[in-house]
Amino acid sequence: MAVKNKIASATLVMAAATALSRVAGLVRDMVVARLFGAGFATDAFFMAFTLPNLLRRFFGEGALTAAFVPTFSEVYHRRSQQEAQQLANRCASLLLLTMLLVVGLGIALSPWIVQGIGFGFSGIEGKLALTDQLNRLMFPFIGLVSLLALITGVLNVHGHFFLPSLSPLFLNLAMILSALTLGRLFDQPIFALAIGVLLGGCLQLFLQWPVLLRYGIRFRPDFRFRRDEHLTRIVRLMLPGIAGVAIYQINVIVTRLLASFLPEGSVSYLYYGQRLFEFPQGIFIVSLAQAALPLMSQQVAEEDREGLQHSLGFALALISIFALPAALGLMLCAKPVYSLFFLGGEFDLTALEHTSWALICYAPGLLFVGYSRIAAQTFFALKDTRTPVVISFWTLLVNAAAGLALMGPFGHLGLAGALTLASFFNALMLLGALRYKVGPFLRESLRLPLLKALPGCALMVMVVWWLLSLFDWTQLGHGLEKSLYLFGAISIGALVYLSCGLLFRLEELRRGVDLLLRKKAPAS
């Protein structure tokens, strides 16, 4: 019971912080869309940012967090704070050396790398060259956010979630200010956006230091790598973890590579669509997974298998009752959201239509991404990074095959749909493998919450669709009217779903409401 409250409370704190960051991200994308549109420059920028983002996942948020948190948690809770500090020092030192090498190689090899991931751009004069220049400029971002991921893991194990979850806010603010103020200094104003990425990476990292000092954490150089068995274990766990993250990010590269052969703007349509798709994903799914990992790692360290089953079931149930209505809401609100926030300037009606349909094709995958994220975190807590890697490899093949089959008849929408199909496959395989690893949990955590959530979802869809159909979303301007219709429809839809959930006694939904009202969560 206490663990459920900890997971729910930590998720709520992180979701609140992440919500602020995601709102700033929406403003950032709105600024980018209106200043730069969807075409030559934005295609180059989003393609250039693919590789830094991929390697950030390699060495940062994905593989490092998955390997570091369970081991660091075990040392911190079962040994001593001094040993935990030494482990953190050695991990930071090794990561810093690795990042210096990776960044140097990335800048040196950039022309060949860019040509490989954006080969379709070669038919447009100057597009590959611009992509290469942007890629070189943004590459140091990898090192900054990889160190940030390590610091985030340390703070999470200490029970602090808020400021690390808020860190993307500073990246978004830096990009917004740079785009608005520095663009006039360059022949290609898109360079201002790349400078904003670097400034944001620095802000994200350095603003964590006051919190580290408050917890008595002071990083010092420590290069005694061979003597630390825990560091060796983290590296061994990271290797398959890196492979798993690599396969996932290769999915993104494959999608953008295929999109580079489609009409100009396709890369940008997919990017804008995926950005809004990631809005609820970042607020709730990532927050929940990050909150659950330290607690499940502690349960594994204490050999509490029954507690692990309950935590896993509870996390999956939360995903079920929040991700399903969020996915439906994205599909219903795709065009209204892009009309309100993006339409205008360089973002025209054609971009509105193509981007809205991209989001509609992405949206059903939200539920499957949520299941996959929780299942993968459970494997990581069990120190099993191999199984997610094997499943990710087959997911890559599914995505590539579906993308090649669907991009011909459906263009960029086929690529978005292929990623959704791959997400479904990934979730199915991970949950199936996890059932044999930890025992039965699917009925309690998936079937019952989904069945109870369906009536509320159905009624919510009907009400929101009717309300949104009352307005013409192809109009320019009319910001106040659009805001009233959109936020009114979202609020009424959320109220309808919440009321139905409470009526059908969705226990996880009731627990979330109690936490919001600062009451004691009900006993189970």
Protein backbone atom coordinates (compact mmCIF):
# COMPACT_ATOMS: atom_id res chain seq x y z
CA MET A 1 0.00 0.00 0.00
CA ALA A 2 2.80 2.41 0.95
CA VAL A 3 4.64 1.63 -2.29
CA LYS A 4 1.50 2.37 -4.33
CA ASN A 5 1.21 5.74 -2.61
CA LYS A 6 4.90 6.46 -3.25
CA ILE A 7 4.58 5.59 -6.94
CA ALA A 8 1.40 7.63 -7.34
CA SER A 9 2.76 10.61 -5.37
CA ALA A 10 6.09 10.64 -7.23
CA THR A 11 4.26 10.31 -10.53
CA LEU A 12 2.03 13.25 -9.63
CA VAL A 13 4.99 15.45 -8.70
CA MET A 14 6.88 14.54 -11.85
CA ALA A 15 3.79 14.89 -14.02
CA ALA A 16 3.18 18.41 -12.70
CA ALA A 17 6.78 19.42 -13.41
CA THR A 18 6.76 17.71 -16.79
CA ALA A 19 3.46 19.38 -17.69
CA LEU A 20 5.11 22.79 -17.30
CA SER A 21 7.98 21.64 -19.49
CA ARG A 22 5.62 20.21 -22.12
CA VAL A 23 3.59 23.40 -22.25
CA ALA A 24 6.83 25.27 -22.87
CA GLY A 25 7.64 22.64 -25.52
CA LEU A 26 4.32 23.33 -27.21
CA VAL A 27 5.10 27.05 -27.21
CA ARG A 28 8.55 26.26 -28.62
CA ASP A 29 7.10 24.20 -31.47
CA MET A 30 4.54 26.91 -32.15
CA VAL A 31 7.32 29.50 -32.42
CA VAL A 32 9.37 27.20 -34.68
CA ALA A 33 6.38 26.44 -36.90
CA ARG A 34 5.39 30.08 -37.35
CA LEU A 35 8.95 31.35 -37.85
CA PHE A 36 10.28 28.54 -40.03
CA GLY A 37 7.21 26.59 -41.25
CA ALA A 38 7.54 23.03 -42.57
CA GLY A 39 10.05 22.81 -45.40
CA PHE A 40 13.72 23.18 -46.34
CA ALA A 41 15.19 24.63 -43.13
CA THR A 42 13.03 22.73 -40.64
CA ASP A 43 13.54 19.42 -42.45
CA ALA A 44 17.31 20.00 -42.15
CA PHE A 45 17.12 20.96 -38.47
CA PHE A 46 14.95 18.02 -37.41
CA MET A 47 17.13 15.60 -39.36
CA ALA A 48 20.31 17.11 -37.84
CA PHE A 49 18.87 16.78 -34.35
CA THR A 50 18.17 13.07 -34.95
CA LEU A 51 21.72 11.92 -34.21
CA PRO A 52 22.36 13.97 -31.04
CA ASN A 53 18.98 12.80 -29.78
CA LEU A 54 19.81 9.18 -30.64
CA LEU A 55 23.15 9.23 -28.83
CA ARG A 56 21.56 11.05 -25.89
CA ARG A 57 19.37 7.96 -25.50
CA PHE A 58 22.38 5.66 -25.93
CA PHE A 59 24.46 7.13 -23.14
CA GLY A 60 21.87 9.07 -21.18
CA GLU A 61 18.21 8.65 -20.40
CA GLY A 62 17.74 5.13 -21.69
CA ALA A 63 20.66 2.78 -21.22
CA LEU A 64 22.47 4.66 -18.45
CA THR A 65 19.37 5.21 -16.31
CA ALA A 66 18.24 1.61 -16.74
CA ALA A 67 21.63 0.24 -15.67
CA PHE A 68 22.61 2.87 -13.09
CA VAL A 69 19.44 3.32 -10.99
CA PRO A 70 18.94 -0.33 -9.88
CA THR A 71 22.63 -0.76 -8.97
CA PHE A 72 22.98 2.65 -7.30
CA SER A 73 19.72 2.04 -5.40
CA GLU A 74 21.04 -1.27 -4.11
CA VAL A 75 24.31 0.29 -2.90
CA TYR A 76 22.53 3.29 -1.37
CA HIS A 77 19.87 1.27 0.49
CA ARG A 78 21.84 -1.83 1.46
CA ARG A 79 25.39 -0.55 1.97
CA SER A 80 26.29 3.04 2.79
CA GLN A 81 25.92 6.57 1.51
CA GLN A 82 29.71 6.87 1.24
CA GLU A 83 29.92 3.86 -1.11
CA ALA A 84 27.03 5.26 -3.14
CA GLN A 85 28.87 8.59 -3.48
CA GLN A 86 32.02 6.81 -4.67
CA LEU A 87 30.01 4.88 -7.25
CA ALA A 88 28.40 8.09 -8.51
CA ASN A 89 31.85 9.76 -8.76
CA ARG A 90 33.28 6.92 -10.84
CA CYS A 91 30.23 6.74 -13.10
CA ALA A 92 30.41 10.49 -13.71
CA SER A 93 34.14 10.36 -14.46
CA LEU A 94 33.79 7.47 -16.90
CA LEU A 95 30.78 9.08 -18.57
CA LEU A 96 32.64 12.39 -19.01
CA LEU A 97 35.59 10.69 -20.72
CA THR A 98 33.23 8.73 -22.96
CA MET A 99 31.28 11.84 -23.93
CA LEU A 100 34.44 13.76 -24.88
CA LEU A 101 35.34 10.93 -27.27
CA VAL A 102 31.82 10.60 -28.70
CA VAL A 103 31.39 14.33 -29.29
CA GLY A 104 34.80 14.60 -30.98
CA LEU A 105 34.07 11.68 -33.30
CA GLY A 106 30.58 12.95 -34.05
CA ILE A 107 31.80 16.35 -35.17
CA ALA A 108 34.65 14.87 -37.24
CA LEU A 109 32.48 12.28 -39.00
CA SER A 110 29.39 14.46 -39.36
CA PRO A 111 29.37 14.80 -43.20
CA TRP A 112 29.30 11.03 -43.73
CA ILE A 113 26.82 10.41 -40.91
CA VAL A 114 24.40 13.04 -42.17
CA GLN A 115 24.56 11.68 -45.71
CA GLY A 116 23.68 8.25 -44.35
CA ILE A 117 20.61 9.28 -42.35
CA GLY A 118 19.31 11.91 -44.78
CA PHE A 119 20.27 10.46 -48.16
CA GLY A 120 16.98 11.58 -49.69
CA PHE A 121 18.05 15.21 -49.20
CA SER A 122 20.90 14.84 -51.70
CA GLY A 123 18.56 15.71 -54.56
CA ILE A 124 17.94 19.22 -53.14
CA GLU A 125 20.84 21.66 -53.45
CA GLY A 126 22.27 22.82 -50.12
CA LYS A 127 19.99 20.74 -47.91
CA LEU A 128 22.55 18.13 -46.88
CA ALA A 129 25.18 20.84 -46.28
CA LEU A 130 22.82 22.74 -43.98
CA THR A 131 21.97 19.53 -42.13
CA ASP A 132 25.68 18.82 -41.61
CA GLN A 133 26.39 22.31 -40.23
CA LEU A 134 23.48 22.10 -37.80
CA ASN A 135 24.51 18.62 -36.69
CA ARG A 136 28.08 19.75 -35.88
CA LEU A 137 26.81 22.72 -33.92
CA MET A 138 24.40 20.68 -31.77
CA PHE A 139 26.57 17.61 -31.14
CA PRO A 140 27.96 18.73 -27.72
CA PHE A 141 24.35 18.61 -26.46
CA ILE A 142 24.82 14.84 -26.16
CA GLY A 143 27.44 15.15 -23.43
CA LEU A 144 25.47 17.72 -21.45
CA VAL A 145 22.25 15.72 -21.27
CA SER A 146 24.04 12.42 -20.64
CA LEU A 147 25.57 13.90 -17.48
CA LEU A 148 22.13 15.28 -16.64
CA ALA A 149 20.68 11.76 -16.88
CA LEU A 150 23.22 10.49 -14.34
CA ILE A 151 22.40 13.32 -11.94
CA THR A 152 18.68 12.64 -12.41
CA GLY A 153 19.20 9.00 -11.46
CA VAL A 154 21.07 9.98 -8.29
CA LEU A 155 18.36 12.46 -7.25
CA ASN A 156 15.54 10.01 -8.00
CA VAL A 157 17.10 7.38 -5.74
CA HIS A 158 17.29 10.05 -3.02
CA GLY A 159 13.55 10.62 -3.51
CA HIS A 160 13.78 13.93 -5.38
CA PHE A 161 11.87 14.06 -8.66
CA PHE A 162 10.65 17.62 -9.22
CA LEU A 163 13.61 19.64 -10.52
CA PRO A 164 14.99 16.90 -12.81
CA SER A 165 11.52 16.59 -14.35
CA LEU A 166 11.42 20.35 -14.77
CA SER A 167 14.78 20.49 -16.57
CA PRO A 168 13.35 20.26 -20.13
CA LEU A 169 11.59 23.55 -19.39
CA PHE A 170 14.96 25.31 -19.50
CA LEU A 171 15.82 23.72 -22.85
CA ASN A 172 12.52 24.88 -24.32
CA LEU A 173 12.89 28.41 -22.96
CA ALA A 174 16.43 28.67 -24.33
CA MET A 175 15.31 27.54 -27.79
CA ILE A 176 12.36 29.95 -27.80
CA LEU A 177 14.45 32.95 -26.79
CA SER A 178 17.22 32.08 -29.24
CA ALA A 179 14.79 31.66 -32.14
CA LEU A 180 13.11 34.99 -31.38
CA THR A 181 16.24 37.06 -30.76
CA LEU A 182 19.20 35.55 -32.61
CA GLY A 183 17.72 34.63 -35.99
CA ARG A 184 18.50 38.00 -37.54
CA LEU A 185 22.24 37.42 -36.96
CA PHE A 186 22.44 34.55 -39.48
CA ASP A 187 21.86 34.16 -43.20
CA GLN A 188 20.03 30.97 -42.24
CA PRO A 189 17.95 31.94 -39.15
CA ILE A 190 17.52 28.25 -38.25
CA PHE A 191 21.05 28.39 -36.74
CA ALA A 192 19.57 30.40 -33.86
CA LEU A 193 17.50 27.35 -32.94
CA ALA A 194 20.60 25.15 -32.84
CA ILE A 195 22.36 27.62 -30.53
CA GLY A 196 19.29 27.47 -28.29
CA VAL A 197 19.75 23.70 -28.02
CA LEU A 198 23.29 24.14 -26.68
CA LEU A 199 22.33 26.90 -24.25
CA GLY A 200 19.41 24.83 -23.02
CA GLY A 201 21.64 21.81 -22.44
CA CYS A 202 23.94 23.90 -20.25
CA LEU A 203 21.03 25.31 -18.24
CA GLN A 204 19.51 21.86 -17.71
CA LEU A 205 22.75 20.53 -16.28
CA PHE A 206 23.94 23.37 -14.08
CA LEU A 207 20.58 24.13 -12.44
CA GLN A 208 20.66 20.68 -10.78
CA TRP A 209 23.75 21.51 -8.71
CA PRO A 210 21.97 23.38 -5.86
CA VAL A 211 19.74 20.35 -5.27
CA LEU A 212 22.73 18.01 -5.29
CA LEU A 213 24.44 20.17 -2.67
CA ARG A 214 21.28 20.17 -0.55
CA TYR A 215 21.43 16.37 -0.42
CA GLY A 216 25.13 16.45 0.38
CA ILE A 217 26.13 15.05 -3.03
CA ARG A 218 29.41 16.44 -4.32
CA PHE A 219 30.89 14.92 -7.45
CA ARG A 220 34.66 14.48 -7.50
CA PRO A 221 36.90 13.00 -10.23
CA ASP A 222 37.56 9.33 -9.51
CA PHE A 223 39.24 7.19 -12.18
CA ARG A 224 39.65 3.97 -10.16
CA PHE A 225 37.36 2.10 -12.52
CA ARG A 226 38.82 -1.40 -12.30
CA ARG A 227 38.42 -1.67 -8.55
CA ASP A 228 34.67 -1.06 -8.48
CA GLU A 229 32.54 -4.18 -9.00
CA HIS A 230 29.35 -2.10 -9.06
CA LEU A 231 30.68 0.10 -11.87
CA THR A 232 31.62 -3.03 -13.79
CA ARG A 233 28.07 -4.34 -13.32
CA ILE A 234 26.59 -1.04 -14.56
CA VAL A 235 28.74 -1.16 -17.70
CA ARG A 236 27.78 -4.78 -18.34
CA LEU A 237 24.10 -3.91 -17.91
CA MET A 238 24.49 -0.86 -20.15
CA LEU A 239 25.88 -2.77 -23.13
CA PRO A 240 22.66 -4.64 -23.96
CA GLY A 241 20.74 -1.58 -22.82
CA ILE A 242 22.59 0.54 -25.38
CA ALA A 243 21.75 -2.04 -28.03
CA GLY A 244 18.10 -1.90 -27.03
CA VAL A 245 17.96 1.89 -27.11
CA ALA A 246 19.91 1.84 -30.37
CA ILE A 247 17.29 -0.38 -31.96
CA TYR A 248 14.49 1.91 -30.76
CA GLN A 249 16.23 5.00 -32.09
CA ILE A 250 17.03 3.24 -35.35
CA ASN A 251 13.26 3.04 -35.73
CA VAL A 252 13.19 6.84 -35.67
CA ILE A 253 16.13 7.05 -38.10
CA VAL A 254 14.48 4.57 -40.48
CA THR A 255 11.27 6.62 -40.39
CA ARG A 256 13.08 9.89 -41.13
CA LEU A 257 15.30 8.30 -43.77
CA LEU A 258 12.23 7.00 -45.59
CA ALA A 259 10.52 10.36 -45.13
CA SER A 260 13.48 12.11 -46.79
CA PHE A 261 12.43 10.43 -50.05
CA LEU A 262 8.87 11.78 -49.76
CA PRO A 263 7.74 15.30 -50.80
CA GLU A 264 9.41 18.24 -49.05
CA GLY A 265 7.92 18.91 -45.63
CA SER A 266 7.26 15.24 -44.82
CA VAL A 267 10.04 15.13 -42.19
CA SER A 268 8.58 18.24 -40.56
CA TYR A 269 4.99 16.95 -40.62
CA LEU A 270 6.09 13.78 -38.84
CA TYR A 271 8.17 15.73 -36.35
CA TYR A 272 5.35 18.12 -35.41
CA GLY A 273 2.94 15.18 -35.20
CA GLN A 274 5.24 13.20 -32.94
CA ARG A 275 5.93 16.22 -30.73
CA LEU A 276 2.27 16.56 -29.80
CA PHE A 277 2.02 12.79 -29.44
CA GLU A 278 4.84 13.02 -26.89
CA PHE A 279 2.97 15.66 -24.87
CA PRO A 280 0.84 13.25 -22.76
CA GLN A 281 3.56 10.60 -23.06
CA GLY A 282 6.09 12.85 -21.34
CA ILE A 283 3.67 14.19 -18.75
CA PHE A 284 2.33 10.90 -17.50
CA ILE A 285 3.94 7.79 -19.01
CA VAL A 286 7.57 8.83 -18.64
CA SER A 287 6.87 10.30 -15.18
CA LEU A 288 5.21 7.08 -14.02
CA ALA A 289 7.99 4.87 -15.40
CA GLN A 290 10.70 7.03 -13.85
CA ALA A 291 8.88 7.07 -10.49
CA ALA A 292 8.37 3.29 -10.52
CA LEU A 293 11.95 2.25 -11.39
CA PRO A 294 13.69 3.18 -8.10
CA LEU A 295 10.88 1.65 -6.05
CA MET A 296 10.74 -1.58 -8.05
CA SER A 297 14.55 -1.75 -7.93
CA GLN A 298 14.35 -1.52 -4.14
CA GLN A 299 11.76 -4.34 -4.06
CA VAL A 300 14.03 -6.51 -6.20
CA ALA A 301 16.98 -5.76 -3.91
CA GLU A 302 14.84 -6.79 -0.91
CA GLU A 303 13.62 -9.91 -2.81
CA ASP A 304 10.01 -8.79 -2.42
CA ARG A 305 8.56 -10.56 -5.48
CA GLU A 306 4.94 -10.13 -4.38
CA GLY A 307 5.47 -6.42 -3.84
CA LEU A 308 7.02 -6.18 -7.31
CA GLN A 309 3.96 -7.84 -8.86
CA HIS A 310 1.64 -5.39 -7.10
CA SER A 311 3.73 -2.37 -8.14
CA LEU A 312 3.85 -3.57 -11.75
CA GLY A 313 0.10 -4.22 -11.81
CA PHE A 314 -0.65 -0.83 -10.31
CA ALA A 315 1.60 1.00 -12.79
CA LEU A 316 0.03 -0.80 -15.78
CA ALA A 317 -3.46 -0.06 -14.47
CA LEU A 318 -2.61 3.65 -14.24
CA ILE A 319 -1.36 3.52 -17.83
CA SER A 320 -4.61 1.87 -18.95
CA ILE A 321 -6.99 4.39 -17.45
CA PHE A 322 -5.04 7.52 -18.42
CA ALA A 323 -3.38 6.67 -21.75
CA LEU A 324 -6.53 5.38 -23.48
CA PRO A 325 -8.59 8.60 -23.09
CA ALA A 326 -5.44 10.64 -23.84
CA ALA A 327 -4.96 8.77 -27.14
CA LEU A 328 -8.59 9.32 -28.12
CA GLY A 329 -8.32 12.96 -27.12
CA LEU A 330 -5.27 13.45 -29.36
CA MET A 331 -7.17 12.03 -32.32
CA LEU A 332 -10.19 14.25 -31.70
CA CYS A 333 -8.22 17.42 -30.98
CA ALA A 334 -5.42 17.08 -33.57
CA LYS A 335 -6.71 19.63 -36.06
CA PRO A 336 -8.06 22.09 -33.44
CA VAL A 337 -4.76 22.10 -31.53
CA TYR A 338 -2.61 22.73 -34.60
CA SER A 339 -5.11 25.34 -35.79
CA LEU A 340 -4.96 27.23 -32.50
CA PHE A 341 -1.23 27.07 -31.80
CA PHE A 342 0.47 26.61 -35.18
CA LEU A 343 -1.68 27.98 -38.00
CA GLY A 344 -0.27 31.28 -39.26
CA GLY A 345 2.99 32.70 -40.58
CA GLU A 346 4.90 30.00 -42.47
CA PHE A 347 2.58 27.24 -41.21
CA ASP A 348 -0.26 27.15 -43.77
CA LEU A 349 -3.44 25.10 -44.30
CA THR A 350 -1.52 22.38 -46.15
CA ALA A 351 0.81 21.94 -43.21
CA LEU A 352 -2.20 21.96 -40.87
CA GLU A 353 -3.88 19.12 -42.74
CA HIS A 354 -0.78 16.93 -43.14
CA THR A 355 0.42 17.42 -39.56
CA SER A 356 -3.03 16.75 -38.05
CA TRP A 357 -3.34 13.44 -39.88
CA ALA A 358 0.18 12.45 -38.82
CA LEU A 359 -0.84 12.91 -35.18
CA ILE A 360 -4.05 10.93 -35.71
CA CYS A 361 -1.98 8.02 -37.03
CA TYR A 362 0.50 8.26 -34.14
CA ALA A 363 -2.10 8.61 -31.36
CA PRO A 364 -3.29 4.97 -30.95
CA GLY A 365 0.29 4.00 -30.13
CA LEU A 366 0.19 6.01 -26.88
CA LEU A 367 -1.35 3.13 -24.91
CA PHE A 368 1.16 0.61 -26.32
CA VAL A 369 4.12 2.90 -25.65
CA GLY A 370 2.94 3.21 -22.05
CA TYR A 371 2.73 -0.55 -21.56
CA SER A 372 6.15 -1.01 -23.18
CA ARG A 373 7.79 1.65 -21.02
CA ILE A 374 6.55 0.10 -17.76
CA ALA A 375 7.40 -3.44 -18.88
CA ALA A 376 10.92 -2.39 -19.93
CA GLN A 377 11.50 -0.61 -16.61
CA THR A 378 10.48 -3.81 -14.81
CA PHE A 379 13.05 -5.80 -16.77
CA PHE A 380 15.66 -3.16 -15.89
CA ALA A 381 14.74 -3.36 -12.20
CA LEU A 382 15.28 -7.13 -12.47
CA LYS A 383 18.68 -6.36 -14.05
CA ASP A 384 17.57 -8.09 -17.25
CA THR A 385 18.46 -5.78 -20.15
CA ARG A 386 18.78 -8.59 -22.68
CA THR A 387 15.10 -9.43 -23.16
CA PRO A 388 14.02 -5.88 -24.13
CA VAL A 389 16.93 -5.80 -26.63
CA VAL A 390 15.82 -8.97 -28.40
CA ILE A 391 12.23 -7.77 -28.58
CA SER A 392 13.33 -4.31 -29.77
CA PHE A 393 15.24 -5.93 -32.64
CA TRP A 394 12.11 -7.65 -33.92
CA THR A 395 10.16 -4.43 -33.41
CA LEU A 396 12.66 -2.66 -35.66
CA LEU A 397 12.02 -5.20 -38.41
CA VAL A 398 8.25 -4.79 -38.04
CA ASN A 399 8.55 -0.99 -38.27
CA ALA A 400 10.85 -1.08 -41.31
CA ALA A 401 8.71 -3.62 -43.17
CA ALA A 402 5.46 -1.80 -42.39
CA GLY A 403 6.99 1.56 -43.31
CA LEU A 404 8.21 0.33 -46.70
CA ALA A 405 4.83 -1.26 -47.39
CA LEU A 406 2.72 1.74 -46.35
CA MET A 407 4.76 4.79 -47.46
CA GLY A 408 3.96 4.17 -51.15
CA PRO A 409 0.17 4.37 -50.94
CA PHE A 410 -0.09 6.62 -47.85
CA GLY A 411 3.08 8.78 -47.83
CA HIS A 412 4.13 10.14 -44.44
CA LEU A 413 0.89 8.84 -42.89
CA GLY A 414 2.00 5.31 -43.73
CA LEU A 415 5.24 5.90 -41.81
CA ALA A 416 3.32 7.17 -38.77
CA GLY A 417 0.96 4.20 -38.93
CA ALA A 418 3.90 1.80 -39.20
CA LEU A 419 5.36 3.13 -35.96
CA THR A 420 2.00 2.58 -34.23
CA LEU A 421 1.89 -1.02 -35.46
CA ALA A 422 5.44 -1.55 -34.24
CA SER A 423 4.51 -0.11 -30.83
CA PHE A 424 1.65 -2.59 -30.54
CA PHE A 425 3.97 -5.47 -31.42
CA ASN A 426 6.58 -4.30 -28.91
CA ALA A 427 4.08 -4.02 -26.05
CA LEU A 428 2.57 -7.43 -26.81
CA MET A 429 5.94 -9.17 -26.80
CA LEU A 430 7.26 -7.39 -23.69
CA LEU A 431 4.17 -8.10 -21.61
CA GLY A 432 4.13 -11.71 -22.73
CA ALA A 433 7.77 -12.18 -21.75
CA LEU A 434 7.25 -10.37 -18.46
CA ARG A 435 4.39 -12.65 -17.46
CA TYR A 436 6.79 -15.60 -17.41
CA LYS A 437 9.38 -13.53 -15.52
CA VAL A 438 7.32 -12.26 -12.57
CA GLY A 439 4.11 -14.32 -12.64
CA PRO A 440 0.48 -13.51 -13.56
CA PHE A 441 -0.51 -9.85 -13.43
CA LEU A 442 -2.34 -9.11 -16.69
CA ARG A 443 -5.96 -9.63 -15.63
CA GLU A 444 -5.83 -7.28 -12.66
CA SER A 445 -3.66 -4.64 -14.32
CA LEU A 446 -4.99 -4.55 -17.88
CA ARG A 447 -8.36 -6.16 -18.51
CA LEU A 448 -10.43 -4.89 -15.60
CA PRO A 449 -9.27 -1.23 -15.72
CA LEU A 450 -9.75 -1.12 -19.50
CA LEU A 451 -13.26 -2.58 -19.28
CA LYS A 452 -14.21 -0.06 -16.61
CA ALA A 453 -12.70 2.81 -18.63
CA LEU A 454 -14.46 2.02 -21.94
CA PRO A 455 -17.93 3.49 -21.12
CA GLY A 456 -16.36 6.78 -20.04
CA CYS A 457 -14.18 6.87 -23.15
CA ALA A 458 -17.15 6.25 -25.45
CA LEU A 459 -19.23 9.00 -23.88
CA MET A 460 -16.25 11.37 -23.83
CA VAL A 461 -15.62 10.83 -27.56
CA MET A 462 -19.22 11.60 -28.49
CA VAL A 463 -19.36 14.78 -26.40
CA VAL A 464 -15.97 16.16 -27.49
CA TRP A 465 -16.54 15.35 -31.18
CA TRP A 466 -19.88 17.18 -31.16
CA LEU A 467 -18.45 20.25 -29.40
CA LEU A 468 -15.46 20.53 -31.73
CA SER A 469 -17.62 20.12 -34.84
CA LEU A 470 -19.36 23.43 -34.04
CA PHE A 471 -16.31 25.48 -35.14
CA ASP A 472 -14.46 25.93 -38.45
CA TRP A 473 -10.82 25.13 -37.59
CA THR A 474 -9.43 26.17 -41.00
CA GLN A 475 -9.87 29.87 -40.17
CA LEU A 476 -6.83 32.03 -39.56
CA GLY A 477 -6.79 34.00 -36.34
CA HIS A 478 -9.85 33.85 -34.03
CA GLY A 479 -7.52 32.78 -31.22
CA LEU A 480 -9.96 33.59 -28.41
CA GLU A 481 -12.85 31.67 -29.99
CA LYS A 482 -10.61 28.70 -30.79
CA SER A 483 -9.30 28.66 -27.23
CA LEU A 484 -12.79 28.71 -25.73
CA TYR A 485 -14.06 25.90 -27.97
CA LEU A 486 -10.95 23.73 -27.59
CA PHE A 487 -10.32 24.09 -23.86
CA GLY A 488 -14.04 23.96 -23.15
CA ALA A 489 -14.35 20.69 -25.08
CA ILE A 490 -11.27 19.22 -23.34
CA SER A 491 -12.52 20.24 -19.89
CA ILE A 492 -16.02 18.87 -20.45
CA GLY A 493 -14.59 15.66 -21.94
CA ALA A 494 -12.27 15.19 -18.96
CA LEU A 495 -15.16 15.79 -16.56
CA VAL A 496 -17.32 13.24 -18.39
CA TYR A 497 -14.56 10.62 -18.28
CA LEU A 498 -13.74 11.33 -14.64
CA SER A 499 -17.39 11.07 -13.61
CA CYS A 500 -17.84 7.75 -15.42
CA GLY A 501 -14.60 6.43 -13.92
CA LEU A 502 -15.72 7.23 -10.39
CA LEU A 503 -19.16 5.78 -11.13
CA PHE A 504 -17.58 2.50 -12.29
CA ARG A 505 -15.25 2.52 -9.26
CA LEU A 506 -11.92 2.83 -11.01
CA GLU A 507 -9.75 2.55 -7.89
CA GLU A 508 -6.60 4.00 -9.52
CA LEU A 509 -8.53 7.02 -10.77
CA ARG A 510 -9.98 7.56 -7.29
CA ARG A 511 -6.49 7.35 -5.80
CA GLY A 512 -5.26 10.01 -8.20
CA VAL A 513 -8.15 12.33 -7.29
CA ASP A 514 -7.44 11.82 -3.58
CA LEU A 515 -3.78 12.70 -4.11
CA LEU A 516 -4.75 15.84 -6.00
CA LEU A 517 -7.00 16.82 -3.09
CA ARG A 518 -4.18 15.96 -0.65
CA LYS A 519 -6.15 13.27 1.08
CA LYS A 520 -4.93 9.92 2.26
CA ALA A 521 -5.16 7.39 -0.56
CA PRO A 522 -7.80 4.71 0.06
CA ALA A 523 -6.71 1.36 1.32
CA SER A 524 -6.76 -1.53 -1.06
